[in-house]
């Protein structure tokens, strides 16, 4: 069987070859978002007619169904990961996570760090990528933080990475887009929305379902069509209609580097070790 990372490896290899001059046709911190397009919240908690009860009902009707992700504020926090620029193939997914530096993204460790080769170079984060357009810019990855368990032994229980991205036009990524919060020790049964970029598509997909326990250190979710390229896709819960952001409690990765089947995905459990990793990345 082939892992999700291996299915996306062809695109990553093509990008590396291109960088070497070859050609190919493949291609919970304290910070608060300073910029938001969220509207004012009515006293009833209703936002443009969407209160919490209506939102829960809408999610329930589409549980376990994968659809094209609309260009919303929440989905705009998610982006594709490319090598060098957005001209080639994207091979992973990442998303903005709240930090005091306003410059942090979260993804799967296997997307950005090879235990044998070290940090993958020349990577860029393209939030809101859609049909070849880069509406929110191209953000180069700078410092990458992974757990020693991943760095030394590819520990699937710590297939998580935080990366600082370079400011653009004098602004940090969180100032431009806002950010989801980091959630740790939230348990195994959590209703989440998973949004990511299949390597074969130029638009993101999204699916909502409730996570289950794969093991004490792994989460599982059943959503169809999450193929290669979706590694690093955030698992977001606690959507807030006022800020149009939520809390990330997982990313596609971990067991089988995300899963052998496109219909079932996994995540390393976000517990104390992920909190410690976040603290290192932001310290």
Protein backbone atom coordinates (compact mmCIF):
# COMPACT_ATOMS: atom_id res chain seq x y z
CA UNK A 1 0.00 0.00 0.00
CA UNK A 2 1.05 3.57 -0.57
CA UNK A 3 0.97 6.33 2.02
CA UNK A 4 -0.55 9.72 1.33
CA UNK A 5 2.90 11.25 1.42
CA UNK A 6 4.21 8.77 -1.14
CA UNK A 7 1.33 9.54 -3.47
CA UNK A 8 2.29 13.22 -3.30
CA UNK A 9 6.01 12.52 -3.56
CA UNK A 10 6.03 12.69 -7.35
CA UNK A 11 5.05 16.35 -7.22
CA UNK A 12 7.62 17.09 -4.53
CA UNK A 13 10.35 15.30 -6.51
CA UNK A 14 9.43 17.23 -9.63
CA UNK A 15 9.78 20.47 -7.72
CA UNK A 16 13.21 19.42 -6.46
CA UNK A 17 14.31 18.53 -10.00
CA UNK A 18 13.07 21.89 -11.22
CA UNK A 19 15.07 23.63 -8.52
CA UNK A 20 18.14 21.73 -9.74
CA UNK A 21 17.61 22.94 -13.30
CA UNK A 22 15.72 19.93 -14.62
CA UNK A 23 12.33 20.24 -16.26
CA UNK A 24 9.20 18.24 -15.72
CA UNK A 25 5.52 18.52 -16.50
CA UNK A 26 4.60 17.27 -13.01
CA UNK A 27 4.84 19.30 -11.08
CA UNK A 28 -3.22 28.87 21.75
CA UNK A 29 -0.95 31.51 21.99
CA UNK A 30 -1.59 34.97 23.31
CA UNK A 31 -1.66 36.69 19.95
CA UNK A 32 -4.98 38.01 18.72
CA UNK A 33 -5.65 38.56 15.01
CA UNK A 34 -5.28 42.25 14.30
CA UNK A 35 -7.17 42.16 11.04
CA UNK A 36 -10.53 40.49 10.52
CA UNK A 37 -13.29 40.78 8.00
CA UNK A 38 -15.82 39.45 10.49
CA UNK A 39 -18.95 41.58 10.75
CA UNK A 40 -20.25 43.01 13.99
CA UNK A 41 -22.06 40.41 16.07
CA UNK A 42 -25.70 41.00 16.91
CA UNK A 43 -26.83 40.72 20.50
CA UNK A 44 -28.55 37.43 19.71
CA UNK A 45 -25.28 35.87 18.53
CA UNK A 46 -26.65 35.75 14.98
CA UNK A 47 -24.18 36.64 12.23
CA UNK A 48 -25.73 37.24 8.79
CA UNK A 49 -28.48 34.83 9.82
CA UNK A 50 -26.03 32.13 10.93
CA UNK A 51 -26.30 31.45 14.65
CA UNK A 52 -24.63 28.52 16.39
CA UNK A 53 -27.72 26.32 16.25
CA UNK A 54 -28.16 26.84 12.51
CA UNK A 55 -24.47 26.19 11.91
CA UNK A 56 -24.64 22.89 13.79
CA UNK A 57 -27.68 21.87 11.78
CA UNK A 58 -25.97 22.69 8.49
CA UNK A 59 -22.88 20.69 9.46
CA UNK A 60 -25.03 17.74 10.50
CA UNK A 61 -26.71 17.55 7.08
CA UNK A 62 -23.35 17.26 5.35
CA UNK A 63 -21.49 14.94 7.74
CA UNK A 64 -18.92 12.81 5.95
CA UNK A 65 -19.55 14.50 2.58
CA UNK A 66 -16.61 16.06 0.74
CA UNK A 67 -17.28 19.19 -1.30
CA UNK A 68 -15.34 22.00 -2.94
CA UNK A 69 -14.42 24.53 -0.26
CA UNK A 70 -15.89 27.96 -0.82
CA UNK A 71 -13.63 31.04 -0.59
CA UNK A 72 -14.64 31.98 2.96
CA UNK A 73 -12.63 33.66 5.72
CA UNK A 74 -12.17 30.32 7.51
CA UNK A 75 -11.10 28.48 4.37
CA UNK A 76 -8.81 31.38 3.49
CA UNK A 77 -6.60 30.46 6.46
CA UNK A 78 -5.72 27.23 4.65
CA UNK A 79 -3.21 27.11 1.84
CA UNK A 80 -1.24 24.86 -0.44
CA UNK A 81 2.48 24.22 0.06
CA UNK A 82 4.72 24.53 -3.00
CA UNK A 83 8.44 24.51 -3.68
CA UNK A 84 9.84 27.98 -4.52
CA UNK A 85 6.65 29.53 -5.92
CA UNK A 86 3.09 28.79 -6.98
CA UNK A 87 4.00 27.87 -10.56
CA UNK A 88 4.60 24.17 -9.98
CA UNK A 89 2.69 21.42 -8.21
CA UNK A 90 1.54 21.68 -4.61
CA UNK A 91 2.25 18.64 -2.47
CA UNK A 92 0.96 19.46 1.03
CA UNK A 93 -1.42 21.73 2.94
CA UNK A 94 -0.90 24.12 5.89
CA UNK A 95 -2.89 26.72 7.81
CA UNK A 96 -2.35 29.84 9.89
CA UNK A 97 -2.33 29.28 13.65
CA UNK A 98 -2.51 31.99 16.29
CA UNK A 99 0.84 33.15 17.70
CA UNK A 100 2.31 36.16 19.46
CA UNK A 101 4.54 36.76 16.44
CA UNK A 102 1.54 36.67 14.08
CA UNK A 103 3.64 34.62 11.66
CA UNK A 104 3.02 30.92 12.32
CA UNK A 105 1.52 28.07 10.30
CA UNK A 106 0.92 24.43 11.22
CA UNK A 107 1.25 21.40 8.96
CA UNK A 108 2.42 17.78 9.04
CA UNK A 109 6.07 17.21 9.91
CA UNK A 110 6.54 14.90 6.93
CA UNK A 111 5.68 17.82 4.65
CA UNK A 112 8.58 19.98 5.79
CA UNK A 113 11.20 17.74 7.42
CA UNK A 114 12.76 14.53 6.15
CA UNK A 115 14.41 12.60 9.01
CA UNK A 116 17.21 11.55 6.66
CA UNK A 117 17.75 14.87 4.87
CA UNK A 118 16.58 17.48 7.34
CA UNK A 119 14.43 20.53 6.66
CA UNK A 120 13.03 20.79 3.17
CA UNK A 121 14.22 24.02 1.56
CA UNK A 122 12.58 26.68 -0.59
CA UNK A 123 9.01 25.95 0.52
CA UNK A 124 6.23 28.51 0.27
CA UNK A 125 2.74 28.73 1.77
CA UNK A 126 -0.01 30.00 -0.54
CA UNK A 127 -3.20 30.66 1.47
CA UNK A 128 -6.46 30.74 -0.44
CA UNK A 129 -4.85 29.30 -3.56
CA UNK A 130 -7.51 28.68 -6.16
CA UNK A 131 -7.30 27.99 -9.87
CA UNK A 132 -3.73 29.26 -10.11
CA UNK A 133 -4.51 32.53 -8.32
CA UNK A 134 -2.69 33.60 -5.17
CA UNK A 135 -5.19 36.07 -3.65
CA UNK A 136 -3.44 36.31 -0.27
CA UNK A 137 0.15 36.23 -1.42
CA UNK A 138 3.03 33.78 -1.35
CA UNK A 139 4.71 33.33 2.03
CA UNK A 140 8.16 31.66 2.19
CA UNK A 141 8.79 29.30 5.11
CA UNK A 142 11.66 30.33 7.36
CA UNK A 143 12.23 28.48 10.66
CA UNK A 144 10.61 25.04 10.97
CA UNK A 145 10.07 23.37 14.34
CA UNK A 146 9.54 19.61 14.65
CA UNK A 147 9.74 17.27 17.64
CA UNK A 148 12.96 15.32 18.19
CA UNK A 149 10.90 12.13 17.96
CA UNK A 150 10.07 13.02 14.36
CA UNK A 151 13.47 14.47 13.56
CA UNK A 152 15.34 11.36 14.67
CA UNK A 153 12.90 8.49 14.16
CA UNK A 154 9.92 9.75 12.11
CA UNK A 155 7.69 9.15 15.14
CA UNK A 156 4.13 9.08 13.75
CA UNK A 157 2.82 10.35 17.08
CA UNK A 158 4.57 13.67 16.40
CA UNK A 159 3.89 14.14 12.71
CA UNK A 160 3.25 17.84 13.37
CA UNK A 161 5.29 20.90 12.48
CA UNK A 162 5.10 24.63 13.08
CA UNK A 163 6.76 27.02 10.67
CA UNK A 164 7.43 30.74 10.75
CA UNK A 165 6.65 32.43 7.44
CA UNK A 166 8.33 35.55 6.14
CA UNK A 167 6.52 38.89 6.36
CA UNK A 168 5.29 40.36 3.07
CA UNK A 169 4.92 44.06 2.36
CA UNK A 170 5.59 44.84 6.00
CA UNK A 171 2.79 42.62 7.30
CA UNK A 172 2.71 39.26 9.00
CA UNK A 173 0.41 36.55 7.70
CA UNK A 174 -1.89 36.67 10.73
CA UNK A 175 -2.29 40.43 10.35
CA UNK A 176 -3.54 39.84 6.83
CA UNK A 177 -5.72 36.77 7.34
CA UNK A 178 -6.37 36.19 11.04
CA UNK A 179 -5.70 32.76 12.54
CA UNK A 180 -7.21 29.68 14.11
CA UNK A 181 -6.30 28.91 17.71
CA UNK A 182 -4.34 25.84 18.75
CA UNK A 183 -6.35 23.24 20.73
CA UNK A 184 -4.71 20.52 22.82
CA UNK A 185 -6.07 17.68 24.96
CA UNK A 186 -9.55 18.02 23.51
CA UNK A 187 -10.33 14.29 23.59
CA UNK A 188 -11.02 11.81 20.82
CA UNK A 189 -14.59 12.58 19.76
CA UNK A 190 -14.58 16.10 18.38
CA UNK A 191 -16.70 17.53 15.54
CA UNK A 192 -14.27 19.02 13.04
CA UNK A 193 -14.04 20.47 9.57
CA UNK A 194 -11.08 19.31 7.47
CA UNK A 195 -10.01 21.50 4.55
CA UNK A 196 -7.11 20.78 2.23
CA UNK A 197 -5.64 20.68 -1.25
CA UNK A 198 -5.45 17.40 -3.18
CA UNK A 199 -2.36 17.42 -5.36
CA UNK A 200 -4.47 16.78 -8.44
CA UNK A 201 -6.73 19.81 -7.91
CA UNK A 202 -6.30 23.58 -7.95
CA UNK A 203 -9.21 24.13 -5.57
CA UNK A 204 -9.47 23.01 -1.94
CA UNK A 205 -11.95 20.46 -0.63
CA UNK A 206 -13.69 20.35 2.74
CA UNK A 207 -15.56 17.79 4.84
CA UNK A 208 -17.09 17.78 8.33
CA UNK A 209 -17.35 14.77 10.63
CA UNK A 210 -16.65 13.67 14.20
CA UNK A 211 -13.23 12.27 14.99
CA UNK A 212 -12.72 8.92 16.68
CA UNK A 213 -9.84 7.26 18.53
CA UNK A 214 -7.50 5.33 16.28
CA UNK A 215 -5.17 4.78 19.25
CA UNK A 216 -4.32 6.72 22.43
CA UNK A 217 -1.94 8.83 20.35
CA UNK A 218 -3.85 9.05 17.04
CA UNK A 219 -7.15 10.48 15.79
CA UNK A 220 -9.16 9.21 12.82
CA UNK A 221 -11.79 10.78 10.59
CA UNK A 222 -13.84 9.34 7.73
CA UNK A 223 -14.11 11.75 4.80
CA UNK A 224 -13.82 10.68 1.14
CA UNK A 225 -11.35 11.83 -1.50
CA UNK A 226 -8.51 13.11 0.69
CA UNK A 227 -5.73 12.03 -1.63
CA UNK A 228 -2.04 12.97 -1.87
CA UNK A 229 -1.46 16.67 -1.22
CA UNK A 230 -3.89 16.89 1.69
CA UNK A 231 -1.26 16.04 4.31
CA UNK A 232 -1.17 18.90 6.80
CA UNK A 233 -4.85 19.80 6.32
CA UNK A 234 -6.17 21.33 9.57
CA UNK A 235 -8.91 19.72 11.66
CA UNK A 236 -10.90 22.71 12.91
CA UNK A 237 -13.55 22.76 15.64
CA UNK A 238 -15.36 25.44 17.70
CA UNK A 239 -16.17 27.68 14.76
CA UNK A 240 -16.92 31.21 15.99
CA UNK A 241 -19.35 33.07 13.71
CA UNK A 242 -18.12 36.42 15.02
CA UNK A 243 -14.46 35.95 14.08
CA UNK A 244 -15.06 33.25 11.46
CA UNK A 245 -12.16 31.27 12.92
CA UNK A 246 -11.90 28.11 15.00
CA UNK A 247 -9.52 25.84 16.87
CA UNK A 248 -7.10 23.39 15.23
CA UNK A 249 -7.04 20.03 17.02
CA UNK A 250 -5.20 18.00 14.38
CA UNK A 251 -3.65 17.92 10.92
CA UNK A 252 -3.70 15.09 8.40
CA UNK A 253 -0.60 13.01 9.13
CA UNK A 254 0.51 10.62 11.84
CA UNK A 255 -0.49 6.99 11.29
CA UNK A 256 0.48 5.90 7.75
CA UNK A 257 1.52 9.57 7.24
CA UNK A 258 -2.14 10.46 6.95
CA UNK A 259 -3.63 7.22 5.68
CA UNK A 260 -3.43 4.60 2.94
CA UNK A 261 -7.05 5.16 1.93
CA UNK A 262 -8.32 8.50 0.58
CA UNK A 263 -11.54 7.91 2.53
CA UNK A 264 -9.98 7.69 6.00
CA UNK A 265 -7.48 10.16 7.41
CA UNK A 266 -5.44 10.29 10.60
CA UNK A 267 -3.76 12.86 12.82
CA UNK A 268 -1.27 12.71 15.65
CA UNK A 269 -3.21 13.47 18.84
CA UNK A 270 -2.68 17.07 19.90
CA UNK A 271 -1.64 16.66 23.54
CA UNK A 272 1.10 17.91 25.84
CA UNK A 273 3.89 17.14 23.37
CA UNK A 274 2.26 19.26 20.68
CA UNK A 275 1.78 22.06 23.21
CA UNK A 276 5.49 21.83 24.06
CA UNK A 277 6.36 21.91 20.36
CA UNK A 278 4.21 25.02 19.88
CA UNK A 279 5.91 26.64 22.86
CA UNK A 280 9.30 25.96 21.28
CA UNK A 281 8.18 27.40 17.97
CA UNK A 282 6.90 30.59 19.60
CA UNK A 283 9.46 30.92 22.40
